[in-house]
Amino acid sequence: MSIAALIIGVRREEPIYETAQEDIWKTVYASDAMKRIDMDSLYRNRPLEQIPWNIESPPDALVELVKSGKVRICKAIDLGCGAGHYAIYLADLGFDITGVDVSPTAIRIARENAKKKGVRCHFIVADVLGDLDETEETYDFAYDWELLHHIFPDQRKQYVENVSKILNPKGQYLSVCFSEKDPHFGGSGKYRETRLGTILYFSSENELRKLFEPYFNIQELRTLEIRGKPAPHLANYVFMNKKS
């Protein structure tokens, strides 16, 4: 039986931080044989077109937030920016944008892409699970587009605290991550293995509400279909603002 199958086989309703499912994954993750994917190695060794989340055109949901006026031109940060496409889109509209990624290669590519497009962006190498002191600033709008499913439940509280820390009072935050309702990557279970060998955590709306509510006022929480490679998939969409 595969590791992913073992994890999926112990499914339980609404795991948040401490469940039998997570205990198994922690045991697996602790072994030398199973490590999280090296994101920098992925960006160094694969063509961008083979990286599933590398999509140049901005997602409709982000475009709609800006076009509707829910998010106005401001100082913003893209958490897990990858090759920088969405940060570049916002910079072209006039946003003062910073992109953060753990991969130095991704940041190098993002800087090159911004230069080619003739827009001004600030890209920095930083781990979103660190203290994010590298940013040295605070922001009015933060977003992570399909980053959160790479972060397991036992680390999510730290991550959300980091986001809250770098946002100004009443700052806005958009988080989009894979939904447990999505039929891809085995079709069920909270932990699923991708063709890249990554293990992702698929969330429910309810657990995301519990995760974010201590720090943010949730304006919208819904499941939507978004573009992806090779096919569309279901994602949780959470738009919120920082509590005073």
Protein backbone atom coordinates (compact mmCIF):
# COMPACT_ATOMS: atom_id res chain seq x y z
CA MET A 1 0.00 0.00 0.00
CA SER A 2 1.33 3.48 -0.85
CA ILE A 3 1.96 6.11 1.82
CA ALA A 4 -0.80 8.29 0.38
CA ALA A 5 -3.23 5.36 0.46
CA LEU A 6 -2.31 4.63 4.06
CA ILE A 7 -3.01 8.20 5.05
CA ILE A 8 -6.27 8.41 3.10
CA GLY A 9 -7.44 5.15 4.61
CA VAL A 10 -7.64 6.70 8.08
CA ARG A 11 -9.99 9.46 7.10
CA ARG A 12 -11.90 11.30 9.80
CA GLU A 13 -14.41 14.14 9.73
CA GLU A 14 -12.96 17.64 9.88
CA PRO A 15 -9.34 17.16 10.94
CA ILE A 16 -7.90 20.44 12.21
CA TYR A 17 -4.63 19.98 14.05
CA GLU A 18 -4.46 16.70 15.99
CA THR A 19 -6.12 13.69 14.34
CA ALA A 20 -5.24 10.07 13.77
CA GLN A 21 -4.69 10.99 10.12
CA GLU A 22 -2.13 13.63 11.01
CA ASP A 23 -0.38 11.36 13.49
CA ILE A 24 0.23 8.87 10.68
CA TRP A 25 1.47 11.59 8.36
CA LYS A 26 3.82 12.99 11.00
CA THR A 27 5.29 9.52 11.44
CA VAL A 28 5.73 9.21 7.69
CA TYR A 29 7.17 12.69 7.33
CA ALA A 30 9.68 12.05 10.13
CA SER A 31 11.26 9.19 8.17
CA ASP A 32 14.34 9.85 6.04
CA ALA A 33 12.59 8.25 3.07
CA MET A 34 9.87 10.87 2.82
CA LYS A 35 10.72 14.57 2.64
CA ARG A 36 8.78 17.55 1.40
CA ILE A 37 9.57 18.46 -2.15
CA ASP A 38 12.49 20.82 -2.70
CA MET A 39 10.74 23.72 -4.43
CA ASP A 40 13.98 25.24 -5.64
CA SER A 41 15.03 21.95 -7.22
CA LEU A 42 11.66 21.83 -8.97
CA TYR A 43 12.12 25.31 -10.46
CA ARG A 44 15.72 24.53 -11.43
CA ASN A 45 15.04 21.21 -13.11
CA ARG A 46 11.60 21.48 -14.72
CA PRO A 47 10.44 23.73 -17.56
CA LEU A 48 7.89 26.23 -16.25
CA GLU A 49 5.18 24.79 -18.49
CA GLN A 50 5.49 21.50 -16.58
CA ILE A 51 4.87 23.11 -13.20
CA PRO A 52 1.11 22.76 -12.55
CA TRP A 53 0.59 26.04 -10.70
CA ASN A 54 2.60 28.12 -13.16
CA ILE A 55 -0.15 29.88 -15.12
CA GLU A 56 0.72 33.24 -16.63
CA SER A 57 -2.75 34.82 -16.89
CA PRO A 58 -4.21 36.01 -13.57
CA PRO A 59 -7.07 33.98 -12.08
CA ASP A 60 -10.59 35.26 -12.65
CA ALA A 61 -11.29 35.51 -8.92
CA LEU A 62 -8.34 37.84 -8.34
CA VAL A 63 -9.21 39.92 -11.39
CA GLU A 64 -12.81 40.25 -10.17
CA LEU A 65 -11.72 41.44 -6.71
CA VAL A 66 -9.82 44.30 -8.32
CA LYS A 67 -12.34 45.14 -11.04
CA SER A 68 -15.21 45.19 -8.54
CA GLY A 69 -13.36 47.63 -6.30
CA LYS A 70 -13.34 45.26 -3.32
CA VAL A 71 -9.56 45.53 -3.44
CA ARG A 72 -8.24 48.92 -4.48
CA ILE A 73 -4.74 49.84 -5.62
CA CYS A 74 -2.57 49.62 -2.53
CA LYS A 75 0.54 48.10 -1.01
CA ALA A 76 0.20 44.33 -1.47
CA ILE A 77 2.08 41.07 -0.99
CA ASP A 78 1.90 37.82 -2.96
CA LEU A 79 2.77 34.91 -0.65
CA GLY A 80 4.21 32.00 -2.61
CA CYS A 81 4.56 34.08 -5.78
CA GLY A 82 6.43 31.51 -7.87
CA ALA A 83 7.42 33.00 -11.22
CA GLY A 84 5.66 36.25 -10.28
CA HIS A 85 2.89 36.34 -12.88
CA TYR A 86 0.10 37.57 -10.59
CA ALA A 87 2.32 40.10 -8.84
CA ILE A 88 3.29 41.45 -12.27
CA TYR A 89 -0.39 41.72 -13.21
CA LEU A 90 -1.10 43.80 -10.10
CA ALA A 91 2.02 45.93 -10.55
CA ASP A 92 0.87 46.77 -14.08
CA LEU A 93 -2.36 48.11 -12.55
CA GLY A 94 -0.44 50.35 -10.18
CA PHE A 95 -0.12 48.20 -7.04
CA ASP A 96 3.01 48.54 -4.92
CA ILE A 97 3.61 44.78 -4.86
CA THR A 98 6.04 42.46 -3.12
CA GLY A 99 6.34 38.80 -4.09
CA VAL A 100 7.69 36.21 -1.66
CA ASP A 101 8.81 32.66 -2.41
CA VAL A 102 11.00 30.10 -0.69
CA SER A 103 12.73 29.25 -3.99
CA PRO A 104 15.65 31.49 -5.04
CA THR A 105 15.26 30.19 -8.60
CA ALA A 106 11.58 31.17 -8.69
CA ILE A 107 12.47 34.65 -7.44
CA ARG A 108 15.16 35.00 -10.09
CA ILE A 109 12.64 34.02 -12.77
CA ALA A 110 10.06 36.43 -11.31
CA ARG A 111 12.53 39.31 -11.45
CA GLU A 112 13.36 38.46 -15.06
CA ASN A 113 9.65 38.31 -15.95
CA ALA A 114 9.00 41.69 -14.36
CA LYS A 115 11.91 43.22 -16.26
CA LYS A 116 10.59 41.80 -19.53
CA LYS A 117 7.14 43.26 -18.82
CA GLY A 118 8.60 46.61 -17.83
CA VAL A 119 6.92 46.73 -14.43
CA ARG A 120 8.31 47.42 -10.99
CA CYS A 121 7.95 44.62 -8.43
CA HIS A 122 9.87 43.77 -5.30
CA PHE A 123 10.67 40.05 -5.10
CA ILE A 124 12.34 38.48 -2.08
CA VAL A 125 13.35 34.99 -0.99
CA ALA A 126 11.62 34.08 2.28
CA ASP A 127 9.94 31.14 3.96
CA VAL A 128 6.30 31.91 4.74
CA LEU A 129 6.61 29.60 7.75
CA GLY A 130 9.52 31.63 9.09
CA ASP A 131 9.06 35.03 10.74
CA LEU A 132 8.81 36.91 7.41
CA ASP A 133 11.08 39.60 8.81
CA GLU A 134 12.65 39.77 5.34
CA THR A 135 9.65 41.78 4.18
CA GLU A 136 10.53 44.63 6.59
CA GLU A 137 7.15 46.22 5.84
CA THR A 138 3.41 45.88 6.38
CA TYR A 139 0.72 45.68 3.70
CA ASP A 140 -2.88 46.56 2.94
CA PHE A 141 -3.64 43.40 0.93
CA ALA A 142 -2.13 39.92 1.10
CA TYR A 143 -3.01 36.88 -0.94
CA ASP A 144 -1.89 33.30 -1.33
CA TRP A 145 -3.12 31.59 -4.47
CA GLU A 146 -3.02 27.81 -4.08
CA LEU A 147 -0.28 27.90 -1.46
CA LEU A 148 -2.16 26.81 1.64
CA HIS A 149 -2.67 23.21 0.54
CA HIS A 150 1.12 22.83 0.66
CA ILE A 151 1.02 23.74 4.36
CA PHE A 152 -0.11 20.98 6.71
CA PRO A 153 -2.54 21.63 9.58
CA ASP A 154 0.06 21.60 12.35
CA GLN A 155 1.83 24.57 10.69
CA ARG A 156 -1.17 26.57 9.55
CA LYS A 157 -1.71 28.52 12.76
CA GLN A 158 1.86 29.83 12.55
CA TYR A 159 1.34 30.75 8.91
CA VAL A 160 -1.92 32.62 9.53
CA GLU A 161 -0.31 34.48 12.43
CA ASN A 162 2.47 35.52 10.05
CA VAL A 163 -0.05 36.86 7.55
CA SER A 164 -1.87 38.78 10.26
CA LYS A 165 1.43 40.22 11.51
CA ILE A 166 2.40 41.71 8.15
CA LEU A 167 -1.02 43.23 7.44
CA ASN A 168 -2.00 46.74 8.44
CA PRO A 169 -5.09 47.22 10.63
CA LYS A 170 -8.18 46.07 8.68
CA GLY A 171 -5.87 44.83 5.92
CA GLN A 172 -7.48 42.49 3.37
CA TYR A 173 -6.51 38.89 2.76
CA LEU A 174 -7.44 36.38 0.04
CA SER A 175 -6.61 32.69 0.44
CA VAL A 176 -7.42 30.05 -2.18
CA CYS A 177 -6.60 26.38 -1.67
CA PHE A 178 -7.72 22.95 -2.85
CA SER A 179 -11.12 21.77 -1.63
CA GLU A 180 -11.72 18.30 -0.23
CA LYS A 181 -14.66 18.16 -2.66
CA ASP A 182 -12.27 18.12 -5.61
CA PRO A 183 -12.23 14.78 -7.48
CA HIS A 184 -8.57 14.94 -8.52
CA PHE A 185 -5.51 13.25 -7.00
CA GLY A 186 -7.36 10.14 -5.94
CA GLY A 187 -10.71 11.85 -5.42
CA SER A 188 -11.02 11.53 -1.64
CA GLY A 189 -9.16 11.99 1.60
CA LYS A 190 -7.50 14.99 3.16
CA TYR A 191 -3.93 14.08 2.13
CA ARG A 192 -3.32 13.25 -1.53
CA GLU A 193 -0.23 12.64 -3.59
CA THR A 194 0.37 14.51 -6.85
CA ARG A 195 2.22 13.42 -9.97
CA LEU A 196 5.14 15.60 -8.84
CA GLY A 197 5.41 13.53 -5.69
CA THR A 198 4.11 16.30 -3.44
CA ILE A 199 1.63 15.53 -0.67
CA LEU A 200 -1.13 18.14 -0.47
CA TYR A 201 -3.75 18.75 2.20
CA PHE A 202 -7.31 19.22 0.92
CA SER A 203 -9.42 21.45 3.17
CA SER A 204 -13.09 21.86 3.98
CA GLU A 205 -14.82 25.22 4.31
CA ASN A 206 -15.56 24.55 7.96
CA GLU A 207 -11.97 23.93 9.01
CA LEU A 208 -10.82 27.05 7.14
CA ARG A 209 -13.41 29.08 9.00
CA LYS A 210 -12.02 27.76 12.29
CA LEU A 211 -8.48 28.50 11.15
CA PHE A 212 -9.04 32.09 10.04
CA GLU A 213 -11.75 33.41 12.39
CA PRO A 214 -9.49 34.10 15.38
CA TYR A 215 -7.55 36.61 13.27
CA PHE A 216 -9.85 37.77 10.47
CA ASN A 217 -13.41 38.82 9.74
CA ILE A 218 -14.52 36.55 6.91
CA GLN A 219 -16.32 38.40 4.13
CA GLU A 220 -16.72 35.49 1.70
CA LEU A 221 -16.18 31.77 2.09
CA ARG A 222 -17.20 29.53 -0.78
CA THR A 223 -16.16 26.71 -3.08
CA LEU A 224 -15.52 27.59 -6.70
CA GLU A 225 -14.11 26.02 -9.83
CA ILE A 226 -10.83 27.52 -10.99
CA ARG A 227 -8.56 27.04 -13.97
CA GLY A 228 -5.73 24.58 -13.59
CA LYS A 229 -3.31 22.32 -15.41
CA PRO A 230 -4.29 19.93 -16.82
CA ALA A 231 -7.95 20.55 -15.87
CA PRO A 232 -10.16 22.84 -13.75
CA HIS A 233 -10.52 21.93 -10.09
CA LEU A 234 -12.52 22.87 -7.00
CA ALA A 235 -11.00 25.28 -4.52
CA ASN A 236 -11.92 27.00 -1.28
CA TYR A 237 -12.07 30.77 -1.64
CA VAL A 238 -11.77 32.89 1.51
CA PHE A 239 -11.78 36.69 1.39
CA MET A 240 -11.40 38.48 4.70
CA ASN A 241 -10.01 41.47 6.58
CA LYS A 242 -7.82 41.65 9.64
CA LYS A 243 -9.56 42.06 12.98
CA SER A 244 -8.86 45.27 14.88
